[in-house]
Amino acid sequence: MSLQHAAQDTPIWVSAVALVNERGEVLVQQRPPSGAHAGLWEFPGGKLEGGESCEAAAIRELHEELGIAIDAKHLLPVAFATNAHDREPGDRPLVILLFACAQWEGEAVAHAASALAWVGPGELASWAMPPLDYPLARALARLLQDGSI
């Protein structure tokens, strides 16, 4: 296997967080009007940086994107999604790890997104989202509906 081929098969790891408010609604953010998945709605989060844990990335990303503080003990693993077997040639695999969080400090403000919205768990899958967010939204909705979160 060539080094170039090995680099193309190295996944990009992303930590995302479903903030859940006291009404059971989930925060989603709208991607900016330019770039990949422009205008689509997603869970806040982002790529892991070198040597960073999934939880540390989630905490850092939500502070950067929303201006809120989260304690790692309040992050509940929900699901993951990957495009490892369904991607364009030359694209690296993407793995998104979704956490749920019902406790944070501060008020979420869209620093990196076009807009924020609180959505009922049963409505999430009807919003225009990037493809990998749909299975995450379904898994989250199941957990919220059965009271696991």
N, C-alpha and C. Protein backbone atom coordinates (compact mmCIF):
# COMPACT_ATOMS: atom_id res chain seq x y z
N MET A 1 0.84 -1.17 0.00
CA MET A 1 0.00 0.00 0.00
C MET A 1 0.89 1.24 0.00
N SER A 2 0.61 2.17 -0.88
CA SER A 2 1.40 3.40 -0.95
C SER A 2 1.05 4.33 0.20
N LEU A 3 1.95 5.26 0.51
CA LEU A 3 1.68 6.23 1.57
C LEU A 3 0.49 7.11 1.22
N GLN A 4 0.36 7.45 -0.07
CA GLN A 4 -0.77 8.28 -0.49
C GLN A 4 -2.09 7.54 -0.27
N HIS A 5 -2.12 6.25 -0.63
CA HIS A 5 -3.33 5.46 -0.44
C HIS A 5 -3.65 5.31 1.04
N ALA A 6 -2.62 5.07 1.87
CA ALA A 6 -2.84 4.93 3.31
C ALA A 6 -3.39 6.23 3.89
N ALA A 7 -2.90 7.38 3.44
CA ALA A 7 -3.39 8.68 3.94
C ALA A 7 -4.86 8.88 3.56
N GLN A 8 -5.25 8.41 2.35
CA GLN A 8 -6.63 8.54 1.92
C GLN A 8 -7.58 7.67 2.74
N ASP A 9 -7.06 6.61 3.35
CA ASP A 9 -7.88 5.71 4.14
C ASP A 9 -7.88 6.06 5.63
N THR A 10 -7.09 7.06 6.04
CA THR A 10 -7.07 7.49 7.43
C THR A 10 -8.30 8.33 7.70
N PRO A 11 -9.14 7.92 8.66
CA PRO A 11 -10.39 8.65 8.88
C PRO A 11 -10.18 10.04 9.47
N ILE A 12 -11.12 10.90 9.17
CA ILE A 12 -11.24 12.19 9.84
C ILE A 12 -12.24 11.97 10.96
N TRP A 13 -11.83 12.21 12.19
CA TRP A 13 -12.69 12.00 13.35
C TRP A 13 -13.33 13.33 13.75
N VAL A 14 -14.63 13.28 13.99
CA VAL A 14 -15.40 14.47 14.35
C VAL A 14 -16.21 14.16 15.61
N SER A 15 -16.16 15.06 16.58
CA SER A 15 -17.02 14.97 17.76
C SER A 15 -18.14 15.98 17.60
N ALA A 16 -19.36 15.54 17.79
CA ALA A 16 -20.53 16.41 17.71
C ALA A 16 -21.35 16.25 18.99
N VAL A 17 -22.10 17.30 19.33
CA VAL A 17 -22.87 17.27 20.57
C VAL A 17 -24.31 17.70 20.29
N ALA A 18 -25.23 16.90 20.82
CA ALA A 18 -26.65 17.26 20.80
C ALA A 18 -26.97 17.86 22.16
N LEU A 19 -27.05 19.18 22.21
CA LEU A 19 -27.47 19.83 23.45
C LEU A 19 -28.96 19.62 23.59
N VAL A 20 -29.40 19.18 24.76
CA VAL A 20 -30.80 18.89 25.02
C VAL A 20 -31.28 19.81 26.13
N ASN A 21 -32.28 20.65 25.83
CA ASN A 21 -32.78 21.59 26.83
C ASN A 21 -33.83 20.93 27.73
N GLU A 22 -34.34 21.69 28.69
CA GLU A 22 -35.29 21.16 29.68
C GLU A 22 -36.61 20.72 29.05
N ARG A 23 -36.92 21.18 27.83
CA ARG A 23 -38.14 20.76 27.12
C ARG A 23 -37.90 19.53 26.24
N GLY A 24 -36.66 19.02 26.24
CA GLY A 24 -36.33 17.86 25.43
C GLY A 24 -36.00 18.21 23.99
N GLU A 25 -35.85 19.50 23.71
CA GLU A 25 -35.49 19.93 22.35
C GLU A 25 -33.97 19.87 22.18
N VAL A 26 -33.54 19.72 20.93
CA VAL A 26 -32.14 19.56 20.58
C VAL A 26 -31.68 20.76 19.77
N LEU A 27 -30.49 21.27 20.09
CA LEU A 27 -29.93 22.41 19.35
C LEU A 27 -29.25 21.92 18.07
N VAL A 28 -29.62 22.52 16.95
CA VAL A 28 -28.92 22.30 15.69
C VAL A 28 -28.47 23.65 15.16
N GLN A 29 -27.43 23.61 14.36
CA GLN A 29 -26.91 24.85 13.77
C GLN A 29 -26.90 24.72 12.26
N GLN A 30 -27.07 25.87 11.60
CA GLN A 30 -27.09 25.89 10.14
C GLN A 30 -25.71 26.26 9.63
N ARG A 31 -25.21 25.43 8.71
CA ARG A 31 -23.89 25.68 8.13
C ARG A 31 -23.93 26.97 7.32
N PRO A 32 -22.79 27.68 7.25
CA PRO A 32 -22.73 28.92 6.46
C PRO A 32 -23.12 28.69 5.00
N PRO A 33 -23.48 29.76 4.29
CA PRO A 33 -23.97 29.61 2.91
C PRO A 33 -22.91 29.21 1.88
N SER A 34 -21.65 29.13 2.29
CA SER A 34 -20.61 28.67 1.36
C SER A 34 -19.86 27.51 2.01
N GLY A 35 -19.24 26.68 1.20
CA GLY A 35 -18.50 25.54 1.72
C GLY A 35 -19.30 24.25 1.64
N ALA A 36 -18.71 23.20 2.19
CA ALA A 36 -19.34 21.88 2.16
C ALA A 36 -20.66 21.90 2.92
N HIS A 37 -21.68 21.30 2.36
CA HIS A 37 -23.00 21.18 2.98
C HIS A 37 -23.60 22.54 3.34
N ALA A 38 -23.35 23.53 2.50
CA ALA A 38 -23.82 24.89 2.75
C ALA A 38 -25.32 24.93 3.03
N GLY A 39 -25.69 25.64 4.10
CA GLY A 39 -27.08 25.85 4.44
C GLY A 39 -27.78 24.69 5.14
N LEU A 40 -27.10 23.54 5.26
CA LEU A 40 -27.72 22.39 5.93
C LEU A 40 -27.59 22.53 7.45
N TRP A 41 -28.45 21.82 8.17
CA TRP A 41 -28.48 21.85 9.62
C TRP A 41 -27.71 20.66 10.17
N GLU A 42 -26.99 20.88 11.27
CA GLU A 42 -26.15 19.83 11.84
C GLU A 42 -26.04 20.00 13.35
N PHE A 43 -25.50 18.97 13.98
CA PHE A 43 -25.16 19.07 15.39
C PHE A 43 -23.85 19.84 15.50
N PRO A 44 -23.71 20.74 16.47
CA PRO A 44 -22.45 21.46 16.62
C PRO A 44 -21.30 20.52 16.96
N GLY A 45 -20.12 20.86 16.52
CA GLY A 45 -18.93 20.06 16.80
C GLY A 45 -17.89 20.27 15.73
N GLY A 46 -16.88 19.42 15.74
CA GLY A 46 -15.83 19.57 14.74
C GLY A 46 -14.76 18.51 14.88
N LYS A 47 -13.74 18.65 14.04
CA LYS A 47 -12.67 17.67 13.93
C LYS A 47 -11.80 17.64 15.18
N LEU A 48 -11.34 16.42 15.49
CA LEU A 48 -10.37 16.25 16.56
C LEU A 48 -9.03 16.79 16.08
N GLU A 49 -8.32 17.45 16.97
CA GLU A 49 -6.97 17.91 16.68
C GLU A 49 -5.99 16.87 17.21
N GLY A 50 -4.75 16.90 16.73
CA GLY A 50 -3.75 15.90 17.10
C GLY A 50 -3.68 15.62 18.58
N GLY A 51 -3.83 14.35 18.95
CA GLY A 51 -3.71 13.93 20.33
C GLY A 51 -4.90 14.25 21.22
N GLU A 52 -5.95 14.82 20.66
CA GLU A 52 -7.12 15.24 21.43
C GLU A 52 -8.11 14.08 21.58
N SER A 53 -8.70 13.96 22.76
CA SER A 53 -9.74 12.95 22.95
C SER A 53 -11.04 13.44 22.32
N CYS A 54 -11.98 12.52 22.12
CA CYS A 54 -13.28 12.87 21.57
C CYS A 54 -13.99 13.87 22.47
N GLU A 55 -13.93 13.65 23.78
CA GLU A 55 -14.58 14.55 24.72
C GLU A 55 -13.93 15.93 24.71
N ALA A 56 -12.61 15.97 24.70
CA ALA A 56 -11.90 17.26 24.68
C ALA A 56 -12.24 18.04 23.41
N ALA A 57 -12.33 17.35 22.29
CA ALA A 57 -12.70 18.02 21.04
C ALA A 57 -14.11 18.59 21.12
N ALA A 58 -15.03 17.81 21.69
CA ALA A 58 -16.42 18.28 21.83
C ALA A 58 -16.48 19.53 22.69
N ILE A 59 -15.78 19.51 23.81
CA ILE A 59 -15.76 20.65 24.72
C ILE A 59 -15.17 21.88 24.03
N ARG A 60 -14.01 21.70 23.36
CA ARG A 60 -13.36 22.81 22.67
C ARG A 60 -14.24 23.37 21.57
N GLU A 61 -14.79 22.49 20.74
CA GLU A 61 -15.59 22.93 19.61
C GLU A 61 -16.85 23.69 20.05
N LEU A 62 -17.53 23.22 21.10
CA LEU A 62 -18.73 23.93 21.54
C LEU A 62 -18.40 25.26 22.18
N HIS A 63 -17.23 25.35 22.79
CA HIS A 63 -16.80 26.65 23.31
C HIS A 63 -16.52 27.61 22.14
N GLU A 64 -15.82 27.12 21.11
CA GLU A 64 -15.49 27.96 19.95
C GLU A 64 -16.73 28.34 19.15
N GLU A 65 -17.61 27.37 18.89
CA GLU A 65 -18.75 27.59 18.01
C GLU A 65 -19.93 28.27 18.69
N LEU A 66 -20.14 27.96 19.99
CA LEU A 66 -21.35 28.45 20.67
C LEU A 66 -21.07 29.31 21.89
N GLY A 67 -19.81 29.35 22.35
CA GLY A 67 -19.47 30.15 23.51
C GLY A 67 -19.98 29.57 24.83
N ILE A 68 -20.16 28.26 24.89
CA ILE A 68 -20.65 27.63 26.11
C ILE A 68 -19.56 26.73 26.70
N ALA A 69 -19.70 26.42 27.99
CA ALA A 69 -18.75 25.54 28.67
C ALA A 69 -19.47 24.24 29.04
N ILE A 70 -18.79 23.13 28.78
CA ILE A 70 -19.33 21.80 29.08
C ILE A 70 -18.30 21.05 29.91
N ASP A 71 -18.77 20.29 30.86
CA ASP A 71 -17.91 19.41 31.64
C ASP A 71 -18.01 18.02 31.01
N ALA A 72 -16.87 17.36 30.83
CA ALA A 72 -16.84 16.04 30.18
C ALA A 72 -17.76 15.03 30.86
N LYS A 73 -17.97 15.17 32.17
CA LYS A 73 -18.82 14.19 32.87
C LYS A 73 -20.29 14.28 32.44
N HIS A 74 -20.66 15.35 31.73
CA HIS A 74 -22.04 15.52 31.26
C HIS A 74 -22.22 15.08 29.80
N LEU A 75 -21.17 14.55 29.19
CA LEU A 75 -21.25 14.08 27.80
C LEU A 75 -21.63 12.60 27.79
N LEU A 76 -22.78 12.31 27.21
CA LEU A 76 -23.27 10.94 27.11
C LEU A 76 -23.10 10.44 25.67
N PRO A 77 -22.30 9.38 25.45
CA PRO A 77 -22.17 8.86 24.08
C PRO A 77 -23.51 8.36 23.56
N VAL A 78 -23.84 8.73 22.32
CA VAL A 78 -25.13 8.37 21.73
C VAL A 78 -24.95 7.39 20.58
N ALA A 79 -24.14 7.77 19.58
CA ALA A 79 -24.01 6.96 18.37
C ALA A 79 -22.82 7.45 17.56
N PHE A 80 -22.48 6.71 16.53
CA PHE A 80 -21.49 7.18 15.56
C PHE A 80 -22.01 6.87 14.16
N ALA A 81 -21.48 7.61 13.20
CA ALA A 81 -21.81 7.37 11.79
C ALA A 81 -20.54 7.51 10.97
N THR A 82 -20.45 6.75 9.90
CA THR A 82 -19.27 6.81 9.05
C THR A 82 -19.67 6.65 7.58
N ASN A 83 -18.86 7.24 6.73
CA ASN A 83 -19.05 7.08 5.30
C ASN A 83 -17.94 6.22 4.70
N ALA A 84 -17.29 5.41 5.51
CA ALA A 84 -16.12 4.64 5.09
C ALA A 84 -16.35 3.83 3.82
N HIS A 85 -17.56 3.33 3.63
CA HIS A 85 -17.83 2.49 2.46
C HIS A 85 -18.73 3.18 1.43
N ASP A 86 -19.01 4.45 1.66
CA ASP A 86 -19.90 5.20 0.75
C ASP A 86 -19.37 6.62 0.59
N ARG A 87 -18.23 6.73 -0.11
CA ARG A 87 -17.62 8.04 -0.29
C ARG A 87 -17.08 8.17 -1.70
N GLU A 88 -16.83 9.39 -2.06
CA GLU A 88 -16.29 9.67 -3.39
C GLU A 88 -14.83 9.23 -3.46
N PRO A 89 -14.37 8.78 -4.63
CA PRO A 89 -12.96 8.41 -4.77
C PRO A 89 -12.07 9.60 -4.39
N GLY A 90 -11.04 9.31 -3.60
CA GLY A 90 -10.11 10.36 -3.17
C GLY A 90 -10.50 11.03 -1.86
N ASP A 91 -11.76 10.85 -1.43
CA ASP A 91 -12.18 11.42 -0.15
C ASP A 91 -11.76 10.51 0.99
N ARG A 92 -11.36 11.12 2.09
CA ARG A 92 -11.03 10.34 3.28
C ARG A 92 -12.31 9.93 4.00
N PRO A 93 -12.27 8.80 4.68
CA PRO A 93 -13.44 8.40 5.47
C PRO A 93 -13.69 9.41 6.59
N LEU A 94 -14.94 9.58 6.93
CA LEU A 94 -15.34 10.49 7.99
C LEU A 94 -16.08 9.68 9.05
N VAL A 95 -15.72 9.87 10.32
CA VAL A 95 -16.39 9.21 11.43
C VAL A 95 -16.88 10.31 12.36
N ILE A 96 -18.19 10.37 12.57
CA ILE A 96 -18.77 11.36 13.48
C ILE A 96 -19.24 10.64 14.74
N LEU A 97 -18.77 11.12 15.88
CA LEU A 97 -19.16 10.58 17.18
C LEU A 97 -20.12 11.59 17.80
N LEU A 98 -21.34 11.15 18.13
CA LEU A 98 -22.33 12.05 18.70
C LEU A 98 -22.49 11.81 20.19
N PHE A 99 -22.39 12.89 20.94
CA PHE A 99 -22.66 12.90 22.37
C PHE A 99 -23.94 13.69 22.59
N ALA A 100 -24.62 13.41 23.70
CA ALA A 100 -25.74 14.24 24.16
C ALA A 100 -25.28 14.93 25.43
N CYS A 101 -25.81 16.13 25.66
CA CYS A 101 -25.44 16.88 26.85
C CYS A 101 -26.64 17.71 27.28
N ALA A 102 -27.04 17.57 28.54
CA ALA A 102 -28.19 18.32 29.06
C ALA A 102 -27.77 19.37 30.08
N GLN A 103 -26.46 19.49 30.35
CA GLN A 103 -25.97 20.50 31.29
C GLN A 103 -24.79 21.23 30.71
N TRP A 104 -24.86 22.55 30.70
CA TRP A 104 -23.77 23.39 30.22
C TRP A 104 -23.90 24.75 30.87
N GLU A 105 -22.85 25.54 30.72
CA GLU A 105 -22.85 26.90 31.26
C GLU A 105 -22.81 27.88 30.11
N GLY A 106 -23.64 28.92 30.22
CA GLY A 106 -23.69 29.96 29.19
C GLY A 106 -24.87 29.78 28.28
N GLU A 107 -25.07 30.77 27.42
CA GLU A 107 -26.14 30.73 26.44
C GLU A 107 -25.53 30.55 25.05
N ALA A 108 -26.03 29.57 24.32
CA ALA A 108 -25.48 29.28 22.99
C ALA A 108 -25.72 30.44 22.03
N VAL A 109 -24.64 30.85 21.37
CA VAL A 109 -24.68 31.91 20.37
C VAL A 109 -23.98 31.38 19.12
N ALA A 110 -24.53 31.65 17.96
CA ALA A 110 -23.96 31.14 16.70
C ALA A 110 -22.72 31.95 16.30
N HIS A 111 -21.53 31.47 16.72
CA HIS A 111 -20.28 32.13 16.34
C HIS A 111 -19.80 31.67 14.98
N ALA A 112 -20.05 30.41 14.63
CA ALA A 112 -19.54 29.85 13.37
C ALA A 112 -20.65 29.44 12.42
N ALA A 113 -21.90 29.51 12.87
CA ALA A 113 -23.03 29.06 12.05
C ALA A 113 -23.86 30.25 11.60
N SER A 114 -24.72 30.02 10.62
CA SER A 114 -25.64 31.06 10.14
C SER A 114 -26.81 31.25 11.10
N ALA A 115 -27.24 30.16 11.76
CA ALA A 115 -28.39 30.23 12.65
C ALA A 115 -28.38 29.04 13.59
N LEU A 116 -29.13 29.17 14.68
CA LEU A 116 -29.34 28.08 15.63
C LEU A 116 -30.83 27.84 15.74
N ALA A 117 -31.22 26.60 16.04
CA ALA A 117 -32.64 26.29 16.24
C ALA A 117 -32.75 25.16 17.25
N TRP A 118 -33.79 25.24 18.10
CA TRP A 118 -34.14 24.16 19.03
C TRP A 118 -35.24 23.35 18.37
N VAL A 119 -35.00 22.05 18.23
CA VAL A 119 -35.89 21.18 17.46
C VAL A 119 -36.34 20.00 18.32
N GLY A 120 -37.60 19.65 18.22
CA GLY A 120 -38.09 18.46 18.90
C GLY A 120 -37.44 17.22 18.31
N PRO A 121 -37.16 16.20 19.13
CA PRO A 121 -36.45 15.02 18.64
C PRO A 121 -37.16 14.31 17.49
N GLY A 122 -38.48 14.32 17.48
CA GLY A 122 -39.23 13.67 16.40
C GLY A 122 -39.16 14.43 15.09
N GLU A 123 -38.76 15.69 15.13
CA GLU A 123 -38.68 16.53 13.93
C GLU A 123 -37.30 16.54 13.30
N LEU A 124 -36.27 16.10 14.03
CA LEU A 124 -34.89 16.24 13.56
C LEU A 124 -34.68 15.67 12.16
N ALA A 125 -35.18 14.48 11.91
CA ALA A 125 -34.93 13.82 10.63
C ALA A 125 -35.61 14.50 9.45
N SER A 126 -36.52 15.44 9.72
CA SER A 126 -37.18 16.15 8.62
C SER A 126 -36.43 17.42 8.22
N TRP A 127 -35.41 17.80 8.97
CA TRP A 127 -34.62 18.98 8.64
C TRP A 127 -33.57 18.60 7.59
N ALA A 128 -33.19 19.53 6.75
CA ALA A 128 -32.15 19.28 5.73
C ALA A 128 -30.80 19.21 6.43
N MET A 129 -30.21 18.01 6.44
CA MET A 129 -28.96 17.76 7.15
C MET A 129 -27.96 17.08 6.22
N PRO A 130 -26.66 17.14 6.56
CA PRO A 130 -25.69 16.33 5.83
C PRO A 130 -26.04 14.85 6.02
N PRO A 131 -25.71 14.00 5.05
CA PRO A 131 -26.13 12.60 5.09
C PRO A 131 -25.80 11.85 6.37
N LEU A 132 -24.63 12.05 6.94
CA LEU A 132 -24.25 11.30 8.14
C LEU A 132 -24.99 11.76 9.39
N ASP A 133 -25.62 12.92 9.36
CA ASP A 133 -26.36 13.39 10.53
C ASP A 133 -27.69 12.68 10.69
N TYR A 134 -28.26 12.15 9.61
CA TYR A 134 -29.57 11.48 9.71
C TYR A 134 -29.56 10.26 10.63
N PRO A 135 -28.60 9.32 10.48
CA PRO A 135 -28.60 8.18 11.40
C PRO A 135 -28.34 8.62 12.85
N LEU A 136 -27.55 9.66 13.02
CA LEU A 136 -27.31 10.18 14.36
C LEU A 136 -28.59 10.76 14.95
N ALA A 137 -29.33 11.52 14.13
CA ALA A 137 -30.60 12.10 14.59
C ALA A 137 -31.60 11.02 14.97
N ARG A 138 -31.66 9.94 14.19
CA ARG A 138 -32.59 8.85 14.51
C ARG A 138 -32.21 8.16 15.81
N ALA A 139 -30.92 7.91 16.02
CA ALA A 139 -30.46 7.27 17.25
C ALA A 139 -30.75 8.17 18.45
N LEU A 140 -30.50 9.45 18.31
CA LEU A 140 -30.77 10.40 19.39
C LEU A 140 -32.25 10.45 19.71
N ALA A 141 -33.10 10.51 18.68
CA ALA A 141 -34.55 10.58 18.89
C ALA A 141 -35.04 9.35 19.65
N ARG A 142 -34.52 8.16 19.32
CA ARG A 142 -34.92 6.94 20.03
C ARG A 142 -34.58 7.05 21.52
N LEU A 143 -33.36 7.52 21.82
CA LEU A 143 -32.95 7.64 23.21
C LEU A 143 -33.76 8.68 23.97
N LEU A 144 -34.07 9.77 23.31
CA LEU A 144 -34.87 10.82 23.95
C LEU A 144 -36.31 10.35 24.18
N GLN A 145 -36.85 9.64 23.20
CA GLN A 145 -38.24 9.18 23.32
C GLN A 145 -38.41 8.10 24.37
N ASP A 146 -37.38 7.26 24.59
CA ASP A 146 -37.55 6.24 25.62
C ASP A 146 -37.04 6.69 26.99
N GLY A 147 -36.64 7.96 27.07
CA GLY A 147 -36.24 8.53 28.36
C GLY A 147 -34.83 8.20 28.80
N SER A 148 -33.99 7.69 27.91
CA SER A 148 -32.63 7.35 28.27
C SER A 148 -31.74 8.58 28.47
N ILE A 149 -32.19 9.71 27.96
CA ILE A 149 -31.42 10.96 28.12
C ILE A 149 -32.29 11.94 28.88
